[in-house]
Protein backbone atom coordinates (compact mmCIF):
# COMPACT_ATOMS: atom_id res chain seq x y z
CA UNK A 1 88.30 140.54 108.45
CA UNK A 2 85.57 139.32 110.55
CA UNK A 3 85.04 136.24 108.17
CA UNK A 4 88.47 135.27 108.50
CA UNK A 5 88.29 134.90 112.35
CA UNK A 6 85.33 132.81 112.09
CA UNK A 7 86.89 130.55 109.71
CA UNK A 8 89.98 130.03 111.69
CA UNK A 9 87.84 129.24 114.94
CA UNK A 10 86.04 126.44 112.83
CA UNK A 11 89.10 125.01 111.67
CA UNK A 12 90.90 125.11 115.07
CA UNK A 13 87.66 123.29 116.57
CA UNK A 14 87.36 120.69 113.76
CA UNK A 15 90.89 119.75 113.53
CA UNK A 16 91.21 118.21 116.80
CA UNK A 17 87.73 116.53 116.33
CA UNK A 18 89.02 114.68 113.37
CA UNK A 19 92.27 113.77 114.96
CA UNK A 20 90.20 112.26 118.04
CA UNK A 21 88.12 110.44 115.56
CA UNK A 22 91.19 108.75 113.76
CA UNK A 23 92.99 107.86 117.11
CA UNK A 24 89.87 105.94 118.08
CA UNK A 25 89.35 104.16 114.92
CA UNK A 26 91.06 100.92 113.61
CA UNK A 27 92.53 102.16 110.32
CA UNK A 28 94.38 99.09 109.09
CA UNK A 29 95.36 99.44 105.37
CA UNK A 30 93.96 96.95 102.94
CA UNK A 31 96.17 94.40 101.15
CA UNK A 32 96.12 96.75 97.98
CA UNK A 33 96.87 99.87 99.83
CA UNK A 34 100.07 101.81 98.53
CA UNK A 35 101.34 102.06 102.37
CA UNK A 36 101.11 98.31 102.68
CA UNK A 37 102.44 97.33 99.26
CA UNK A 38 105.41 99.72 99.49
CA UNK A 39 106.20 98.17 102.80
CA UNK A 40 105.74 94.70 101.42
CA UNK A 41 108.26 95.53 98.98
CA UNK A 42 110.70 97.14 101.10
CA UNK A 43 110.80 93.92 103.38
CA UNK A 44 111.16 91.72 100.40
CA UNK A 45 113.97 93.92 98.91
CA UNK A 46 115.77 93.50 102.29
CA UNK A 47 115.61 89.71 102.45
CA UNK A 48 116.72 89.43 98.78
CA UNK A 49 119.90 91.76 99.44
CA UNK A 50 120.86 89.14 102.15
CA UNK A 51 120.79 86.41 99.43
CA UNK A 52 121.55 88.14 96.20
CA UNK A 53 123.44 91.22 97.34
CA UNK A 54 122.66 95.20 97.10
CA UNK A 55 123.80 95.76 93.38
CA UNK A 56 121.65 92.98 91.87
CA UNK A 57 118.55 93.87 93.95
CA UNK A 58 119.00 97.74 93.37
CA UNK A 59 119.06 96.96 89.57
CA UNK A 60 115.62 95.49 89.74
CA UNK A 61 112.25 97.31 89.83
CA UNK A 62 109.61 95.71 91.94
CA UNK A 63 105.83 95.89 91.60
CA UNK A 64 103.24 93.72 93.48
CA UNK A 65 100.25 92.73 91.07
CA UNK A 66 97.40 90.29 91.24
CA UNK A 67 96.56 91.27 94.87
CA UNK A 68 93.81 89.35 96.59
CA UNK A 69 92.68 89.85 100.37
CA UNK A 70 92.32 86.07 101.41
CA UNK A 71 91.07 86.96 104.84
CA UNK A 72 89.97 89.85 107.06
CA UNK A 73 89.54 89.63 110.85
CA UNK A 74 86.47 91.70 111.67
CA UNK A 75 87.46 92.08 115.21
CA UNK A 76 90.91 93.37 114.60
CA UNK A 77 90.79 94.68 111.09
CA UNK A 78 93.78 92.69 110.20
CA UNK A 79 94.14 91.28 106.57
CA UNK A 80 95.84 88.23 105.09
CA UNK A 81 96.84 88.84 101.41
CA UNK A 82 98.14 87.02 98.56
CA UNK A 83 99.79 88.55 95.43
CA UNK A 84 102.53 88.33 92.97
CA UNK A 85 105.83 90.25 93.10
CA UNK A 86 107.08 91.36 89.65
CA UNK A 87 110.79 91.73 89.55
CA UNK A 88 112.01 93.54 86.45
CA UNK A 89 115.54 93.59 85.11
CA UNK A 90 117.40 94.83 82.15
CA UNK A 91 116.49 91.66 80.11
CA UNK A 92 113.17 90.27 81.56
CA UNK A 93 110.41 90.29 84.23
CA UNK A 94 110.20 87.44 86.69
CA UNK A 95 107.06 86.94 88.90
CA UNK A 96 107.09 84.87 92.31
CA UNK A 97 104.00 84.40 94.78
CA UNK A 98 103.82 86.65 97.77
CA UNK A 99 101.95 86.41 100.78
CA UNK A 100 101.79 88.93 103.56
CA UNK A 101 99.64 90.18 106.46
CA UNK A 102 98.69 93.84 107.66
CA UNK A 103 97.61 94.66 111.12
CA UNK A 104 97.16 97.31 113.55
CA UNK A 105 99.47 98.00 116.37
CA UNK A 106 98.84 99.01 119.89
CA UNK A 107 100.16 102.57 118.98
CA UNK A 108 97.79 103.11 116.25
CA UNK A 109 100.22 102.23 113.40
CA UNK A 110 100.29 99.26 111.32
CA UNK A 111 102.64 96.30 111.02
CA UNK A 112 103.17 94.16 107.60
CA UNK A 113 104.78 90.59 107.79
CA UNK A 114 106.01 88.96 104.54
CA UNK A 115 105.92 85.08 104.45
CA UNK A 116 107.62 82.59 102.10
CA UNK A 117 104.60 80.32 101.82
CA UNK A 118 100.79 80.71 102.23
CA UNK A 119 99.84 81.99 105.46
């Protein structure tokens, strides 16, 4: 029972320490991070729904491949990214170029922007 109490105290002391460290750091996910690519896919799908309609877009599977980091801002941690978007339907797979950025927000989150041409 005594061991359990010590362990609890260590956990209670260390958890706030790690949370404070993360709050102070600029953790921008990279171009290939799953959080970044998932958001880039979500943004792309949202724009395609406006053009093609939800039934067409929902029938496709999306995947980002050939991801390249084209620039990193050392001061802010922001990334510029280039990749290809694979869109797979019932009959075939099409690929389109994709450019996006990922940067920190002032509240500690991150923001992804998708562009139609190189950034």
